[in-house]
Amino acid sequence: KRMKTIGVGVIGTAFMGKAHSIAYAAAGSVFGDALRPRLEIICDYNTERAEVMRTEMGFSRCTSNWMDVVNDPEVQLISVCVPNSLHKEISVAALKLGKHVWCEKPMSTNLADSEAMLAAAQASKAQTILGYNYTQNPAVQSARELIEAHDQYEEPISYDSDDWCVIGIEEAFGFDNTPEDLKRAKQVAWNVKE
């Protein structure tokens, strides 16, 4: 029986890019005969760093241009592990080509970019995931419930509270504390390919 594989491209080689690369490399030993990642190409804007990480992580190729990863026919899954302000451009380009996208948190730096990413995900047949790895944590669930119940409050949610679990929406999601943005933030943050 031939094992099914998926070609992986990782864009960004700092802490999260390295973490993604290590996880992909270990997936076969953890999940056995399930879909096995093939480490196709890794990208860093610094060519020398890209080559070092290619060797260290075991990728077939490297590049300093993220479009090489997005356009690579051997890549079906792209990890976006770059500065937050670049998430939208890379994710939308990948989704338009039908690539699956794992985008690290936060989704973007502003609501317009998040909405563009959501629209691209909804228009694509590809799968998407955001790297929110503590969504089942009770503190995070409490914050979500607080945000969802926000309509009943007159005051915006902010750090002014004595309750450490209360988060500022603009810091957490890059949105303003307006009721309209809170509603849209909920939709964007929790409805992307749930």
Protein backbone atom coordinates (compact mmCIF):
# COMPACT_ATOMS: atom_id res chain seq x y z
CA LYS A 1 0.00 0.00 0.00
CA ARG A 2 1.43 3.35 -1.02
CA MET A 3 1.36 5.99 1.72
CA LYS A 4 -0.55 9.18 0.88
CA THR A 5 1.56 12.33 1.20
CA ILE A 6 1.00 16.07 1.08
CA GLY A 7 3.63 18.57 -0.05
CA VAL A 8 4.35 21.21 2.57
CA GLY A 9 5.81 24.68 2.20
CA VAL A 10 6.71 26.76 5.26
CA ILE A 11 7.01 30.53 4.89
CA GLY A 12 9.02 32.01 7.76
CA THR A 13 11.85 30.37 9.67
CA ALA A 14 11.76 32.05 13.08
CA PHE A 15 10.33 30.32 16.16
CA MET A 16 6.91 29.37 14.70
CA GLY A 17 8.30 28.39 11.30
CA LYS A 18 10.76 26.11 13.02
CA ALA A 19 7.99 24.71 15.26
CA HIS A 20 5.80 23.95 12.24
CA SER A 21 8.72 22.32 10.41
CA ILE A 22 9.56 20.08 13.37
CA ALA A 23 5.90 19.10 13.76
CA TYR A 24 5.56 18.21 10.07
CA ALA A 25 8.76 16.16 10.22
CA ALA A 26 7.48 14.23 13.26
CA ALA A 27 3.91 13.72 12.01
CA GLY A 28 4.67 10.36 10.39
CA SER A 29 5.99 8.83 13.59
CA VAL A 30 3.09 10.24 15.60
CA PHE A 31 0.21 9.49 13.23
CA GLY A 32 1.54 6.40 11.46
CA ASP A 33 0.01 5.62 8.07
CA ALA A 34 -2.18 8.70 7.97
CA LEU A 35 -1.44 11.49 5.51
CA ARG A 36 2.31 12.10 5.68
CA PRO A 37 3.84 15.57 5.10
CA ARG A 38 6.63 15.91 2.51
CA LEU A 39 8.90 18.82 3.39
CA GLU A 40 9.09 20.45 -0.04
CA ILE A 41 10.24 24.05 0.39
CA ILE A 42 11.01 26.53 3.16
CA CYS A 43 11.21 30.29 2.75
CA ASP A 44 13.05 33.06 4.55
CA TYR A 45 13.70 36.54 3.16
CA ASN A 46 17.39 35.95 3.97
CA THR A 47 18.76 33.48 1.40
CA GLU A 48 21.52 32.21 3.69
CA ARG A 49 19.08 31.64 6.56
CA ALA A 50 16.72 29.83 4.17
CA GLU A 51 19.53 27.45 3.16
CA VAL A 52 20.54 26.80 6.78
CA MET A 53 16.93 26.01 7.73
CA ARG A 54 16.46 23.82 4.63
CA THR A 55 19.39 21.71 5.76
CA GLU A 56 18.47 21.67 9.46
CA MET A 57 14.77 20.91 8.91
CA GLY A 58 15.15 18.50 6.00
CA PHE A 59 13.32 20.38 3.23
CA SER A 60 14.02 19.53 -0.41
CA ARG A 61 14.43 23.15 -1.46
CA CYS A 62 14.53 26.70 -0.13
CA THR A 63 13.80 30.19 -1.40
CA SER A 64 13.82 33.80 -0.30
CA ASN A 65 10.60 34.61 -2.22
CA TRP A 66 7.31 33.50 -0.67
CA MET A 67 5.63 33.47 -4.10
CA ASP A 68 7.92 30.55 -5.03
CA VAL A 69 6.25 28.56 -2.25
CA VAL A 70 2.71 29.60 -3.20
CA ASN A 71 3.27 28.81 -6.89
CA ASP A 72 5.13 25.52 -6.34
CA PRO A 73 3.10 22.66 -7.90
CA GLU A 74 4.59 20.20 -5.37
CA VAL A 75 3.11 22.18 -2.45
CA GLN A 76 -0.48 21.58 -1.37
CA LEU A 77 -0.25 22.95 2.21
CA ILE A 78 1.37 26.22 3.25
CA SER A 79 2.24 27.29 6.78
CA VAL A 80 2.24 31.07 7.10
CA CYS A 81 4.70 31.85 9.91
CA VAL A 82 5.72 35.41 9.07
CA PRO A 83 5.08 38.79 10.72
CA ASN A 84 1.35 39.37 11.23
CA SER A 85 1.15 42.23 8.73
CA LEU A 86 2.04 39.76 5.93
CA HIS A 87 -0.55 37.09 6.76
CA LYS A 88 -3.29 38.40 4.47
CA GLU A 89 -1.26 38.78 1.29
CA ILE A 90 0.27 35.31 1.52
CA SER A 91 -2.87 33.51 2.71
CA VAL A 92 -5.14 35.04 0.07
CA ALA A 93 -2.64 34.28 -2.72
CA ALA A 94 -2.35 30.66 -1.57
CA LEU A 95 -6.11 30.18 -1.24
CA LYS A 96 -6.69 31.57 -4.74
CA LEU A 97 -4.48 28.76 -6.04
CA GLY A 98 -6.36 26.14 -3.99
CA LYS A 99 -3.58 25.61 -1.44
CA HIS A 100 -4.49 24.61 2.10
CA VAL A 101 -3.36 27.28 4.58
CA TRP A 102 -2.25 27.05 8.20
CA CYS A 103 -1.90 30.67 9.31
CA GLU A 104 -0.34 31.50 12.63
CA LYS A 105 -2.08 33.74 15.13
CA PRO A 106 -3.19 36.43 15.16
CA MET A 107 -5.09 36.21 11.91
CA SER A 108 -4.08 39.72 10.85
CA THR A 109 -3.41 43.20 12.16
CA ASN A 110 -6.76 44.72 11.21
CA LEU A 111 -10.38 43.86 10.53
CA ALA A 112 -10.28 44.55 6.78
CA ASP A 113 -7.42 42.07 6.29
CA SER A 114 -9.21 39.45 8.41
CA GLU A 115 -12.38 39.89 6.39
CA ALA A 116 -10.43 39.54 3.12
CA MET A 117 -8.86 36.34 4.43
CA LEU A 118 -12.28 35.03 5.47
CA ALA A 119 -13.72 35.80 2.03
CA ALA A 120 -10.80 34.03 0.34
CA ALA A 121 -11.26 30.99 2.59
CA GLN A 122 -14.98 30.85 1.87
CA ALA A 123 -14.37 31.14 -1.90
CA SER A 124 -11.77 28.35 -1.88
CA LYS A 125 -12.23 24.61 -1.63
CA ALA A 126 -9.01 24.47 0.39
CA GLN A 127 -8.95 23.91 4.13
CA THR A 128 -7.80 26.66 6.47
CA ILE A 129 -6.76 26.80 10.09
CA LEU A 130 -5.63 29.56 12.40
CA GLY A 131 -3.00 28.73 15.00
CA TYR A 132 -5.19 29.46 18.00
CA ASN A 133 -3.98 26.52 20.03
CA TYR A 134 -5.74 27.28 23.34
CA THR A 135 -9.34 27.52 22.11
CA GLN A 136 -10.48 24.84 24.59
CA ASN A 137 -8.73 26.51 27.54
CA PRO A 138 -11.37 27.53 30.15
CA ALA A 139 -9.97 31.08 30.38
CA VAL A 140 -10.22 31.50 26.61
CA GLN A 141 -13.73 30.03 26.58
CA SER A 142 -14.74 32.49 29.31
CA ALA A 143 -13.36 35.36 27.25
CA ARG A 144 -15.32 34.13 24.23
CA GLU A 145 -18.53 33.95 26.26
CA LEU A 146 -17.88 37.47 27.55
CA ILE A 147 -17.40 38.76 24.00
CA GLU A 148 -20.53 36.98 22.78
CA ALA A 149 -22.53 38.44 25.67
CA HIS A 150 -21.11 41.92 25.07
CA ASP A 151 -24.35 43.22 23.51
CA GLN A 152 -25.93 43.34 26.96
CA TYR A 153 -23.21 45.66 28.30
CA GLU A 154 -23.04 49.38 27.74
CA GLU A 155 -19.32 49.73 28.44
CA PRO A 156 -16.73 48.39 25.97
CA ILE A 157 -14.68 45.40 27.06
CA SER A 158 -11.26 46.62 28.11
CA TYR A 159 -8.27 46.10 30.35
CA ASP A 160 -9.82 48.52 32.83
CA SER A 161 -11.53 45.62 34.55
CA ASP A 162 -10.04 44.03 37.68
CA ASP A 163 -10.78 40.62 36.13
CA TRP A 164 -7.55 39.45 34.43
CA CYS A 165 -9.50 37.21 32.01
CA VAL A 166 -11.15 40.21 30.37
CA ILE A 167 -9.29 41.10 27.21
CA GLY A 168 -9.15 44.24 25.11
CA ILE A 169 -10.64 43.49 21.71
CA GLU A 170 -8.28 45.81 19.89
CA GLU A 171 -5.24 44.11 21.40
CA ALA A 172 -6.57 40.60 20.91
CA PHE A 173 -7.95 40.91 17.40
CA GLY A 174 -6.75 44.23 15.98
CA PHE A 175 -10.28 45.66 16.04
CA ASP A 176 -11.81 48.70 17.69
CA ASN A 177 -14.10 48.42 20.72
CA THR A 178 -17.23 49.44 18.79
CA PRO A 179 -20.29 47.18 18.96
CA GLU A 180 -20.16 46.71 15.17
CA ASP A 181 -16.51 45.62 15.25
CA LEU A 182 -17.18 43.30 18.18
CA LYS A 183 -19.88 41.50 16.20
CA ARG A 184 -17.65 41.24 13.13
CA ALA A 185 -14.69 40.15 15.29
CA LYS A 186 -16.75 37.24 16.62
CA GLN A 187 -17.68 36.16 13.10
CA VAL A 188 -14.13 36.38 11.78
CA ALA A 189 -12.37 34.84 14.78
CA TRP A 190 -14.66 31.86 15.26
CA ASN A 191 -16.30 31.14 11.93
CA VAL A 192 -13.28 30.57 9.68
CA LYS A 193 -13.83 26.97 8.55
CA GLU A 194 -14.97 25.79 12.00
